[in-house]
């Protein structure tokens, strides 16, 4: 990480109107490892309040806090998805025509 002083003036952009909190919940089912529980938070006094809510609501599960921009883009402010949430599983589907299967 590189750090430098911000010496240019900038205008106060204000606070986002709403935040998205995503909590990752581990699932003990075959072919499924994680699911998400998403929550919109509005009228927050600060991002610290939102992060506090996310930590409390997650109860130790991985979680993320996003700010929504005026154009609807979500910006990650805090947290991370579980390291193995992006695991790809390849499932091969067969058509009867693809295999040598006796037909009725």
PDB file of N, CA and C in Angstrom:
ATOM      1  N   UNK A   1       0.846  -1.164   0.000  1.00  0.00           N
ATOM      2  CA  UNK A   1       0.000   0.000   0.000  1.00  0.00           C
ATOM      3  C   UNK A   1       0.892   1.228   0.000  1.00  0.00           C
ATOM      4  N   UNK A   2       0.549   2.181  -0.842  1.00  0.00           N
ATOM      5  CA  UNK A   2       1.279   3.437  -0.922  1.00  0.00           C
ATOM      6  C   UNK A   2       0.403   4.533  -0.324  1.00  0.00           C
ATOM      7  N   UNK A   3       0.956   5.405   0.484  1.00  0.00           N
ATOM      8  CA  UNK A   3       0.201   6.478   1.135  1.00  0.00           C
ATOM      9  C   UNK A   3       0.838   7.806   0.777  1.00  0.00           C
ATOM     10  N   UNK A   4      -0.007   8.771   0.395  1.00  0.00           N
ATOM     11  CA  UNK A   4       0.479  10.120   0.122  1.00  0.00           C
ATOM     12  C   UNK A   4      -0.564  11.126   0.593  1.00  0.00           C
ATOM     13  N   UNK A   5      -0.098  12.319   0.921  1.00  0.00           N
ATOM     14  CA  UNK A   5      -0.993  13.373   1.397  1.00  0.00           C
ATOM     15  C   UNK A   5      -1.883  13.855   0.259  1.00  0.00           C
ATOM     16  N   UNK A   6      -3.126  14.160   0.578  1.00  0.00           N
ATOM     17  CA  UNK A   6      -4.065  14.725  -0.392  1.00  0.00           C
ATOM     18  C   UNK A   6      -4.001  16.238  -0.225  1.00  0.00           C
ATOM     19  N   UNK A   7      -3.352  16.913  -1.157  1.00  0.00           N
ATOM     20  CA  UNK A   7      -3.138  18.347  -1.046  1.00  0.00           C
ATOM     21  C   UNK A   7      -4.090  19.159  -1.917  1.00  0.00           C
ATOM     22  N   UNK A   8      -4.824  18.482  -2.800  1.00  0.00           N
ATOM     23  CA  UNK A   8      -5.753  19.194  -3.670  1.00  0.00           C
ATOM     24  C   UNK A   8      -7.071  19.432  -2.941  1.00  0.00           C
ATOM     25  N   UNK A   9      -7.682  20.599  -3.138  1.00  0.00           N
ATOM     26  CA  UNK A   9      -8.995  20.832  -2.522  1.00  0.00           C
ATOM     27  C   UNK A   9     -10.063  19.973  -3.205  1.00  0.00           C
ATOM     28  N   UNK A  10     -11.051  19.571  -2.460  1.00  0.00           N
ATOM     29  CA  UNK A  10     -12.166  18.827  -3.041  1.00  0.00           C
ATOM     30  C   UNK A  10     -13.440  19.256  -2.335  1.00  0.00           C
ATOM     31  N   UNK A  11     -14.544  19.081  -3.021  1.00  0.00           N
ATOM     32  CA  UNK A  11     -15.826  19.475  -2.426  1.00  0.00           C
ATOM     33  C   UNK A  11     -16.354  18.338  -1.563  1.00  0.00           C
ATOM     34  N   UNK A  12     -17.116  18.699  -0.570  1.00  0.00           N
ATOM     35  CA  UNK A  12     -17.723  17.702   0.313  1.00  0.00           C
ATOM     36  C   UNK A  12     -18.790  16.963  -0.483  1.00  0.00           C
ATOM     37  N   UNK A  13     -18.635  15.670  -0.625  1.00  0.00           N
ATOM     38  CA  UNK A  13     -19.567  14.891  -1.428  1.00  0.00           C
ATOM     39  C   UNK A  13     -20.750  14.370  -0.619  1.00  0.00           C
ATOM     40  N   UNK A  14     -20.732  14.553   0.685  1.00  0.00           N
ATOM     41  CA  UNK A  14     -21.834  14.085   1.518  1.00  0.00           C
ATOM     42  C   UNK A  14     -21.763  12.592   1.788  1.00  0.00           C
ATOM     43  N   UNK A  15     -22.826  12.081   2.361  1.00  0.00           N
ATOM     44  CA  UNK A  15     -22.908  10.666   2.715  1.00  0.00           C
ATOM     45  C   UNK A  15     -23.849   9.944   1.757  1.00  0.00           C
ATOM     46  N   UNK A  16     -23.631   8.659   1.551  1.00  0.00           N
ATOM     47  CA  UNK A  16     -24.551   7.896   0.705  1.00  0.00           C
ATOM     48  C   UNK A  16     -25.953   7.856   1.320  1.00  0.00           C
ATOM     49  N   UNK A  17     -26.957   7.724   0.463  1.00  0.00           N
ATOM     50  CA  UNK A  17     -28.333   7.601   0.955  1.00  0.00           C
ATOM     51  C   UNK A  17     -28.610   6.233   1.542  1.00  0.00           C
ATOM     52  N   UNK A  18     -27.922   5.220   1.004  1.00  0.00           N
ATOM     53  CA  UNK A  18     -28.125   3.888   1.566  1.00  0.00           C
ATOM     54  C   UNK A  18     -26.875   3.033   1.381  1.00  0.00           C
ATOM     55  N   UNK A  19     -26.800   2.044   2.255  1.00  0.00           N
ATOM     56  CA  UNK A  19     -25.678   1.100   2.278  1.00  0.00           C
ATOM     57  C   UNK A  19     -26.239  -0.307   2.109  1.00  0.00           C
ATOM     58  N   UNK A  20     -25.464  -1.167   1.490  1.00  0.00           N
ATOM     59  CA  UNK A  20     -25.817  -2.578   1.396  1.00  0.00           C
ATOM     60  C   UNK A  20     -24.889  -3.350   2.322  1.00  0.00           C
ATOM     61  N   UNK A  21     -25.466  -4.142   3.201  1.00  0.00           N
ATOM     62  CA  UNK A  21     -24.693  -5.040   4.070  1.00  0.00           C
ATOM     63  C   UNK A  21     -24.955  -6.450   3.575  1.00  0.00           C
ATOM     64  N   UNK A  22     -23.883  -7.151   3.247  1.00  0.00           N
ATOM     65  CA  UNK A  22     -23.975  -8.543   2.795  1.00  0.00           C
ATOM     66  C   UNK A  22     -23.297  -9.423   3.831  1.00  0.00           C
ATOM     67  N   UNK A  23     -24.061 -10.383   4.363  1.00  0.00           N
ATOM     68  CA  UNK A  23     -23.541 -11.353   5.330  1.00  0.00           C
ATOM     69  C   UNK A  23     -23.456 -12.697   4.626  1.00  0.00           C
ATOM     70  N   UNK A  24     -22.294 -13.312   4.692  1.00  0.00           N
ATOM     71  CA  UNK A  24     -22.066 -14.620   4.084  1.00  0.00           C
ATOM     72  C   UNK A  24     -22.324 -15.697   5.125  1.00  0.00           C
ATOM     73  N   UNK A  25     -23.227 -16.623   4.821  1.00  0.00           N
ATOM     74  CA  UNK A  25     -23.607 -17.681   5.754  1.00  0.00           C
ATOM     75  C   UNK A  25     -23.197 -19.016   5.149  1.00  0.00           C
ATOM     76  N   UNK A  26     -22.432 -19.790   5.906  1.00  0.00           N
ATOM     77  CA  UNK A  26     -21.983 -21.090   5.407  1.00  0.00           C
ATOM     78  C   UNK A  26     -23.135 -22.087   5.488  1.00  0.00           C
ATOM     79  N   UNK A  27     -23.295 -22.855   4.420  1.00  0.00           N
ATOM     80  CA  UNK A  27     -24.389 -23.813   4.316  1.00  0.00           C
ATOM     81  C   UNK A  27     -23.808 -25.218   4.302  1.00  0.00           C
ATOM     82  N   UNK A  28     -24.452 -26.118   4.994  1.00  0.00           N
ATOM     83  CA  UNK A  28     -23.984 -27.507   5.057  1.00  0.00           C
ATOM     84  C   UNK A  28     -24.845 -28.385   4.158  1.00  0.00           C
ATOM     85  N   UNK A  29     -24.873 -28.071   2.860  1.00  0.00           N
ATOM     86  CA  UNK A  29     -25.622 -28.869   1.904  1.00  0.00           C
ATOM     87  C   UNK A  29     -24.697 -29.274   0.765  1.00  0.00           C
ATOM     88  N   UNK A  30     -24.979 -30.424   0.147  1.00  0.00           N
ATOM     89  CA  UNK A  30     -24.168 -30.797  -1.016  1.00  0.00           C
ATOM     90  C   UNK A  30     -24.349 -29.765  -2.132  1.00  0.00           C
ATOM     91  N   UNK A  31     -23.299 -29.468  -2.838  1.00  0.00           N
ATOM     92  CA  UNK A  31     -23.300 -28.567  -3.995  1.00  0.00           C
ATOM     93  C   UNK A  31     -23.562 -27.110  -3.638  1.00  0.00           C
ATOM     94  N   UNK A  32     -23.565 -26.766  -2.381  1.00  0.00           N
ATOM     95  CA  UNK A  32     -23.767 -25.375  -1.976  1.00  0.00           C
ATOM     96  C   UNK A  32     -22.889 -25.132  -0.757  1.00  0.00           C
ATOM     97  N   UNK A  33     -22.110 -24.075  -0.789  1.00  0.00           N
ATOM     98  CA  UNK A  33     -21.228 -23.815   0.327  1.00  0.00           C
ATOM     99  C   UNK A  33     -21.571 -22.536   1.071  1.00  0.00           C
ATOM    100  N   UNK A  34     -21.924 -21.480   0.332  1.00  0.00           N
ATOM    101  CA  UNK A  34     -22.241 -20.199   0.951  1.00  0.00           C
ATOM    102  C   UNK A  34     -23.529 -19.643   0.370  1.00  0.00           C
ATOM    103  N   UNK A  35     -24.252 -18.911   1.168  1.00  0.00           N
ATOM    104  CA  UNK A  35     -25.358 -18.106   0.667  1.00  0.00           C
ATOM    105  C   UNK A  35     -25.222 -16.736   1.305  1.00  0.00           C
ATOM    106  N   UNK A  36     -25.883 -15.762   0.751  1.00  0.00           N
ATOM    107  CA  UNK A  36     -25.775 -14.413   1.287  1.00  0.00           C
ATOM    108  C   UNK A  36     -27.112 -13.941   1.834  1.00  0.00           C
ATOM    109  N   UNK A  37     -27.027 -13.086   2.810  1.00  0.00           N
ATOM    110  CA  UNK A  37     -28.174 -12.399   3.372  1.00  0.00           C
ATOM    111  C   UNK A  37     -27.878 -10.911   3.202  1.00  0.00           C
ATOM    112  N   UNK A  38     -28.641 -10.242   2.336  1.00  0.00           N
ATOM    113  CA  UNK A  38     -28.377  -8.842   1.986  1.00  0.00           C
ATOM    114  C   UNK A  38     -29.394  -7.921   2.654  1.00  0.00           C
ATOM    115  N   UNK A  39     -28.902  -6.789   3.152  1.00  0.00           N
ATOM    116  CA  UNK A  39     -29.740  -5.833   3.874  1.00  0.00           C
ATOM    117  C   UNK A  39     -29.423  -4.418   3.415  1.00  0.00           C
ATOM    118  N   UNK A  40     -30.456  -3.612   3.108  1.00  0.00           N
ATOM    119  CA  UNK A  40     -30.273  -2.185   2.809  1.00  0.00           C
ATOM    120  C   UNK A  40     -30.420  -1.416   4.105  1.00  0.00           C
ATOM    121  N   UNK A  41     -29.470  -0.542   4.393  1.00  0.00           N
ATOM    122  CA  UNK A  41     -29.544   0.337   5.564  1.00  0.00           C
ATOM    123  C   UNK A  41     -29.651   1.775   5.072  1.00  0.00           C
ATOM    124  N   UNK A  42     -30.597   2.514   5.596  1.00  0.00           N
ATOM    125  CA  UNK A  42     -30.797   3.914   5.234  1.00  0.00           C
ATOM    126  C   UNK A  42     -30.802   4.762   6.497  1.00  0.00           C
ATOM    127  N   UNK A  43     -30.664   6.048   6.327  1.00  0.00           N
ATOM    128  CA  UNK A  43     -30.709   7.023   7.419  1.00  0.00           C
ATOM    129  C   UNK A  43     -29.653   6.759   8.488  1.00  0.00           C
ATOM    130  N   UNK A  44     -28.510   6.220   8.074  1.00  0.00           N
ATOM    131  CA  UNK A  44     -27.412   5.978   9.016  1.00  0.00           C
ATOM    132  C   UNK A  44     -26.698   7.297   9.298  1.00  0.00           C
ATOM    133  N   UNK A  45     -26.268   7.477  10.534  1.00  0.00           N
ATOM    134  CA  UNK A  45     -25.538   8.687  10.905  1.00  0.00           C
ATOM    135  C   UNK A  45     -24.110   8.682  10.371  1.00  0.00           C
ATOM    136  N   UNK A  46     -23.528   7.479  10.208  1.00  0.00           N
ATOM    137  CA  UNK A  46     -22.144   7.388   9.738  1.00  0.00           C
ATOM    138  C   UNK A  46     -21.872   5.985   9.223  1.00  0.00           C
ATOM    139  N   UNK A  47     -20.791   5.857   8.473  1.00  0.00           N
ATOM    140  CA  UNK A  47     -20.390   4.538   8.006  1.00  0.00           C
ATOM    141  C   UNK A  47     -19.963   3.667   9.189  1.00  0.00           C
ATOM    142  N   UNK A  48     -19.456   4.285  10.244  1.00  0.00           N
ATOM    143  CA  UNK A  48     -19.079   3.522  11.444  1.00  0.00           C
ATOM    144  C   UNK A  48     -20.312   2.844  12.051  1.00  0.00           C
ATOM    145  N   UNK A  49     -21.442   3.526  12.030  1.00  0.00           N
ATOM    146  CA  UNK A  49     -22.687   2.940  12.530  1.00  0.00           C
ATOM    147  C   UNK A  49     -23.085   1.729  11.678  1.00  0.00           C
ATOM    148  N   UNK A  50     -22.941   1.850  10.363  1.00  0.00           N
ATOM    149  CA  UNK A  50     -23.287   0.763   9.445  1.00  0.00           C
ATOM    150  C   UNK A  50     -22.358  -0.435   9.668  1.00  0.00           C
ATOM    151  N   UNK A  51     -21.073  -0.185   9.778  1.00  0.00           N
ATOM    152  CA  UNK A  51     -20.113  -1.278  10.021  1.00  0.00           C
ATOM    153  C   UNK A  51     -20.406  -1.952  11.359  1.00  0.00           C
ATOM    154  N   UNK A  52     -20.727  -1.173  12.373  1.00  0.00           N
ATOM    155  CA  UNK A  52     -21.091  -1.745  13.673  1.00  0.00           C
ATOM    156  C   UNK A  52     -22.305  -2.649  13.566  1.00  0.00           C
ATOM    157  N   UNK A  53     -23.319  -2.193  12.810  1.00  0.00           N
ATOM    158  CA  UNK A  53     -24.514  -3.012  12.613  1.00  0.00           C
ATOM    159  C   UNK A  53     -24.149  -4.300  11.886  1.00  0.00           C
ATOM    160  N   UNK A  54     -23.315  -4.191  10.856  1.00  0.00           N
ATOM    161  CA  UNK A  54     -22.908  -5.367  10.080  1.00  0.00           C
ATOM    162  C   UNK A  54     -22.176  -6.374  10.962  1.00  0.00           C
ATOM    163  N   UNK A  55     -21.253  -5.902  11.757  1.00  0.00           N
ATOM    164  CA  UNK A  55     -20.499  -6.806  12.655  1.00  0.00           C
ATOM    165  C   UNK A  55     -21.434  -7.516  13.626  1.00  0.00           C
ATOM    166  N   UNK A  56     -22.344  -6.761  14.214  1.00  0.00           N
ATOM    167  CA  UNK A  56     -23.273  -7.340  15.192  1.00  0.00           C
ATOM    168  C   UNK A  56     -24.211  -8.339  14.511  1.00  0.00           C
ATOM    169  N   UNK A  57     -24.746  -7.956  13.358  1.00  0.00           N
ATOM    170  CA  UNK A  57     -25.697  -8.816  12.660  1.00  0.00           C
ATOM    171  C   UNK A  57     -25.033 -10.073  12.118  1.00  0.00           C
ATOM    172  N   UNK A  58     -23.773  -9.981  11.692  1.00  0.00           N
ATOM    173  CA  UNK A  58     -23.065 -11.128  11.117  1.00  0.00           C
ATOM    174  C   UNK A  58     -22.708 -12.173  12.166  1.00  0.00           C
ATOM    175  N   UNK A  59     -22.538 -11.764  13.395  1.00  0.00           N
ATOM    176  CA  UNK A  59     -22.232 -12.721  14.455  1.00  0.00           C
ATOM    177  C   UNK A  59     -20.986 -13.546  14.192  1.00  0.00           C
ATOM    178  N   UNK A  60     -19.972 -12.958  13.583  1.00  0.00           N
ATOM    179  CA  UNK A  60     -18.726 -13.671  13.324  1.00  0.00           C
ATOM    180  C   UNK A  60     -18.609 -14.213  11.914  1.00  0.00           C
ATOM    181  N   UNK A  61     -19.710 -14.250  11.159  1.00  0.00           N
ATOM    182  CA  UNK A  61     -19.633 -14.691   9.762  1.00  0.00           C
ATOM    183  C   UNK A  61     -18.996 -13.588   8.920  1.00  0.00           C
ATOM    184  N   UNK A  62     -18.396 -13.946   7.786  1.00  0.00           N
ATOM    185  CA  UNK A  62     -17.827 -12.916   6.912  1.00  0.00           C
ATOM    186  C   UNK A  62     -18.922 -11.955   6.439  1.00  0.00           C
ATOM    187  N   UNK A  63     -18.579 -10.678   6.316  1.00  0.00           N
ATOM    188  CA  UNK A  63     -19.562  -9.699   5.872  1.00  0.00           C
ATOM    189  C   UNK A  63     -18.882  -8.577   5.109  1.00  0.00           C
ATOM    190  N   UNK A  64     -19.697  -7.822   4.363  1.00  0.00           N
ATOM    191  CA  UNK A  64     -19.207  -6.710   3.560  1.00  0.00           C
ATOM    192  C   UNK A  64     -20.174  -5.542   3.709  1.00  0.00           C
ATOM    193  N   UNK A  65     -19.640  -4.324   3.586  1.00  0.00           N
ATOM    194  CA  UNK A  65     -20.462  -3.117   3.577  1.00  0.00           C
ATOM    195  C   UNK A  65     -20.156  -2.360   2.293  1.00  0.00           C
ATOM    196  N   UNK A  66     -21.207  -2.043   1.544  1.00  0.00           N
ATOM    197  CA  UNK A  66     -21.095  -1.287   0.304  1.00  0.00           C
ATOM    198  C   UNK A  66     -21.856   0.026   0.441  1.00  0.00           C
ATOM    199  N   UNK A  67     -21.358   1.078  -0.192  1.00  0.00           N
ATOM    200  CA  UNK A  67     -22.099   2.334  -0.311  1.00  0.00           C
ATOM    201  C   UNK A  67     -22.667   2.378  -1.719  1.00  0.00           C
ATOM    202  N   UNK A  68     -23.913   2.828  -1.833  1.00  0.00           N
ATOM    203  CA  UNK A  68     -24.520   2.970  -3.151  1.00  0.00           C
ATOM    204  C   UNK A  68     -24.317   4.401  -3.627  1.00  0.00           C
ATOM    205  N   UNK A  69     -23.780   4.543  -4.834  1.00  0.00           N
ATOM    206  CA  UNK A  69     -23.574   5.874  -5.418  1.00  0.00           C
ATOM    207  C   UNK A  69     -24.888   6.337  -6.063  1.00  0.00           C
ATOM    208  N   UNK A  70     -24.992   7.626  -6.394  1.00  0.00           N
ATOM    209  CA  UNK A  70     -26.217   8.120  -7.022  1.00  0.00           C
ATOM    210  C   UNK A  70     -26.602   7.384  -8.312  1.00  0.00           C
ATOM    211  N   UNK A  71     -25.619   6.828  -9.031  1.00  0.00           N
ATOM    212  CA  UNK A  71     -25.952   6.101 -10.267  1.00  0.00           C
ATOM    213  C   UNK A  71     -26.213   4.614 -10.022  1.00  0.00           C
ATOM    214  N   UNK A  72     -26.248   4.186  -8.752  1.00  0.00           N
ATOM    215  CA  UNK A  72     -26.566   2.805  -8.416  1.00  0.00           C
ATOM    216  C   UNK A  72     -25.377   1.875  -8.296  1.00  0.00           C
ATOM    217  N   UNK A  73     -24.173   2.376  -8.517  1.00  0.00           N
ATOM    218  CA  UNK A  73     -22.970   1.560  -8.375  1.00  0.00           C
ATOM    219  C   UNK A  73     -22.734   1.267  -6.898  1.00  0.00           C
ATOM    220  N   UNK A  74     -22.295   0.049  -6.590  1.00  0.00           N
ATOM    221  CA  UNK A  74     -21.964  -0.318  -5.212  1.00  0.00           C
ATOM    222  C   UNK A  74     -20.454  -0.276  -5.029  1.00  0.00           C
ATOM    223  N   UNK A  75     -20.007   0.454  -4.020  1.00  0.00           N
ATOM    224  CA  UNK A  75     -18.580   0.567  -3.700  1.00  0.00           C
ATOM    225  C   UNK A  75     -18.311  -0.164  -2.393  1.00  0.00           C
ATOM    226  N   UNK A  76     -17.389  -1.106  -2.428  1.00  0.00           N
ATOM    227  CA  UNK A  76     -17.035  -1.839  -1.219  1.00  0.00           C
ATOM    228  C   UNK A  76     -16.290  -0.913  -0.268  1.00  0.00           C
ATOM    229  N   UNK A  77     -16.816  -0.751   0.941  1.00  0.00           N
ATOM    230  CA  UNK A  77     -16.180   0.102   1.953  1.00  0.00           C
ATOM    231  C   UNK A  77     -15.439  -0.697   3.010  1.00  0.00           C
ATOM    232  N   UNK A  78     -15.950  -1.873   3.313  1.00  0.00           N
ATOM    233  CA  UNK A  78     -15.389  -2.637   4.435  1.00  0.00           C
ATOM    234  C   UNK A  78     -15.740  -4.108   4.264  1.00  0.00           C
ATOM    235  N   UNK A  79     -14.850  -4.985   4.723  1.00  0.00           N
ATOM    236  CA  UNK A  79     -15.125  -6.412   4.766  1.00  0.00           C
ATOM    237  C   UNK A  79     -14.653  -7.139   3.513  1.00  0.00           C
ATOM    238  N   UNK A  80     -14.979  -8.404   3.451  1.00  0.00           N
ATOM    239  CA  UNK A  80     -14.589  -9.239   2.318  1.00  0.00           C
ATOM    240  C   UNK A  80     -15.459 -10.483   2.288  1.00  0.00           C
ATOM    241  N   UNK A  81     -15.597 -11.039   1.085  1.00  0.00           N
ATOM    242  CA  UNK A  81     -16.275 -12.319   0.931  1.00  0.00           C
ATOM    243  C   UNK A  81     -15.351 -13.417   1.454  1.00  0.00           C
ATOM    244  N   UNK A  82     -15.893 -14.565   1.814  1.00  0.00           N
ATOM    245  CA  UNK A  82     -15.029 -15.674   2.238  1.00  0.00           C
ATOM    246  C   UNK A  82     -14.074 -16.051   1.113  1.00  0.00           C
ATOM    247  N   UNK A  83     -12.892 -16.494   1.478  1.00  0.00           N
ATOM    248  CA  UNK A  83     -11.880 -16.829   0.470  1.00  0.00           C
ATOM    249  C   UNK A  83     -12.347 -17.897  -0.494  1.00  0.00           C
ATOM    250  N   UNK A  84     -13.148 -18.838  -0.027  1.00  0.00           N
ATOM    251  CA  UNK A  84     -13.569 -19.940  -0.893  1.00  0.00           C
ATOM    252  C   UNK A  84     -14.951 -19.714  -1.501  1.00  0.00           C
ATOM    253  N   UNK A  85     -15.494 -18.496  -1.415  1.00  0.00           N
ATOM    254  CA  UNK A  85     -16.831 -18.235  -1.962  1.00  0.00           C
ATOM    255  C   UNK A  85     -16.836 -18.205  -3.475  1.00  0.00           C
ATOM    256  N   UNK A  86     -15.697 -18.013  -4.074  1.00  0.00           N
ATOM    257  CA  UNK A  86     -15.655 -17.939  -5.528  1.00  0.00           C
ATOM    258  C   UNK A  86     -15.225 -19.262  -6.157  1.00  0.00           C
ATOM    259  N   UNK A  87     -15.276 -20.308  -5.401  1.00  0.00           N
ATOM    260  CA  UNK A  87     -14.890 -21.618  -5.914  1.00  0.00           C
ATOM    261  C   UNK A  87     -15.831 -22.013  -7.056  1.00  0.00           C
ATOM    262  N   UNK A  88     -15.276 -22.523  -8.120  1.00  0.00           N
ATOM    263  CA  UNK A  88     -16.055 -22.955  -9.267  1.00  0.00           C
ATOM    264  C   UNK A  88     -16.164 -24.472  -9.249  1.00  0.00           C
ATOM    265  N   UNK A  89     -17.370 -24.955  -9.428  1.00  0.00           N
ATOM    266  CA  UNK A  89     -17.611 -26.385  -9.505  1.00  0.00           C
ATOM    267  C   UNK A  89     -18.166 -26.670 -10.892  1.00  0.00           C
ATOM    268  N   UNK A  90     -17.558 -27.595 -11.588  1.00  0.00           N
ATOM    269  CA  UNK A  90     -18.029 -27.972 -12.917  1.00  0.00           C
ATOM    270  C   UNK A  90     -18.903 -29.210 -12.802  1.00  0.00           C
ATOM    271  N   UNK A  91     -20.110 -29.099 -13.308  1.00  0.00           N
ATOM    272  CA  UNK A  91     -21.048 -30.218 -13.297  1.00  0.00           C
ATOM    273  C   UNK A  91     -21.315 -30.591 -14.744  1.00  0.00           C
ATOM    274  N   UNK A  92     -21.053 -31.822 -15.081  1.00  0.00           N
ATOM    275  CA  UNK A  92     -21.275 -32.289 -16.448  1.00  0.00           C
ATOM    276  C   UNK A  92     -22.689 -32.843 -16.556  1.00  0.00           C
ATOM    277  N   UNK A  93     -23.445 -32.327 -17.504  1.00  0.00           N
ATOM    278  CA  UNK A  93     -24.800 -32.807 -17.761  1.00  0.00           C
ATOM    279  C   UNK A  93     -24.785 -33.607 -19.054  1.00  0.00           C
ATOM    280  N   UNK A  94     -25.445 -34.742 -19.030  1.00  0.00           N
ATOM    281  CA  UNK A  94     -25.467 -35.606 -20.200  1.00  0.00           C
ATOM    282  C   UNK A  94     -26.865 -35.659 -20.775  1.00  0.00           C
ATOM    283  N   UNK A  95     -26.914 -35.683 -22.073  1.00  0.00           N
ATOM    284  CA  UNK A  95     -28.135 -35.876 -22.821  1.00  0.00           C
ATOM    285  C   UNK A  95     -28.118 -37.325 -23.270  1.00  0.00           C
ATOM    286  N   UNK A  96     -29.272 -37.980 -23.333  1.00  0.00           N
ATOM    287  CA  UNK A  96     -29.296 -39.387 -23.765  1.00  0.00           C
ATOM    288  C   UNK A  96     -28.631 -39.569 -25.119  1.00  0.00           C
ATOM    289  N   UNK A  97     -28.682 -38.561 -25.965  1.00  0.00           N
ATOM    290  CA  UNK A  97     -28.070 -38.658 -27.282  1.00  0.00           C
ATOM    291  C   UNK A  97     -26.543 -38.603 -27.188  1.00  0.00           C
ATOM    292  N   UNK A  98     -26.013 -38.046 -26.094  1.00  0.00           N
ATOM    293  CA  UNK A  98     -24.580 -37.952 -25.908  1.00  0.00           C
ATOM    294  C   UNK A  98     -23.963 -39.241 -25.402  1.00  0.00           C
ATOM    295  N   UNK A  99     -24.786 -40.096 -24.836  1.00  0.00           N
ATOM    296  CA  UNK A  99     -24.278 -41.338 -24.252  1.00  0.00           C
ATOM    297  C   UNK A  99     -24.895 -42.520 -24.951  1.00  0.00           C
ATOM    298  N   UNK A 100     -24.268 -43.633 -24.790  1.00  0.00           N
ATOM    299  CA  UNK A 100     -24.773 -44.863 -25.379  1.00  0.00           C
ATOM    300  C   UNK A 100     -25.743 -45.497 -24.382  1.00  0.00           C
ATOM    301  N   UNK A 101     -26.985 -44.974 -24.359  1.00  0.00           N
ATOM    302  CA  UNK A 101     -27.981 -45.437 -23.400  1.00  0.00           C
ATOM    303  C   UNK A 101     -29.097 -46.123 -24.174  1.00  0.00           C
ATOM    304  N   UNK A 102     -29.480 -47.319 -23.736  1.00  0.00           N
ATOM    305  CA  UNK A 102     -30.589 -47.995 -24.425  1.00  0.00           C
ATOM    306  C   UNK A 102     -31.855 -47.144 -24.314  1.00  0.00           C
ATOM    307  N   UNK A 103     -32.593 -47.031 -25.386  1.00  0.00           N
ATOM    308  CA  UNK A 103     -33.835 -46.258 -25.399  1.00  0.00           C
ATOM    309  C   UNK A 103     -35.025 -47.178 -25.271  1.00  0.00           C
ATOM    310  N   UNK A 104     -36.042 -46.705 -24.621  1.00  0.00           N
ATOM    311  CA  UNK A 104     -37.253 -47.516 -24.416  1.00  0.00           C
ATOM    312  C   UNK A 104     -38.127 -47.524 -25.639  1.00  0.00           C
TER     313      UNK A 104
END
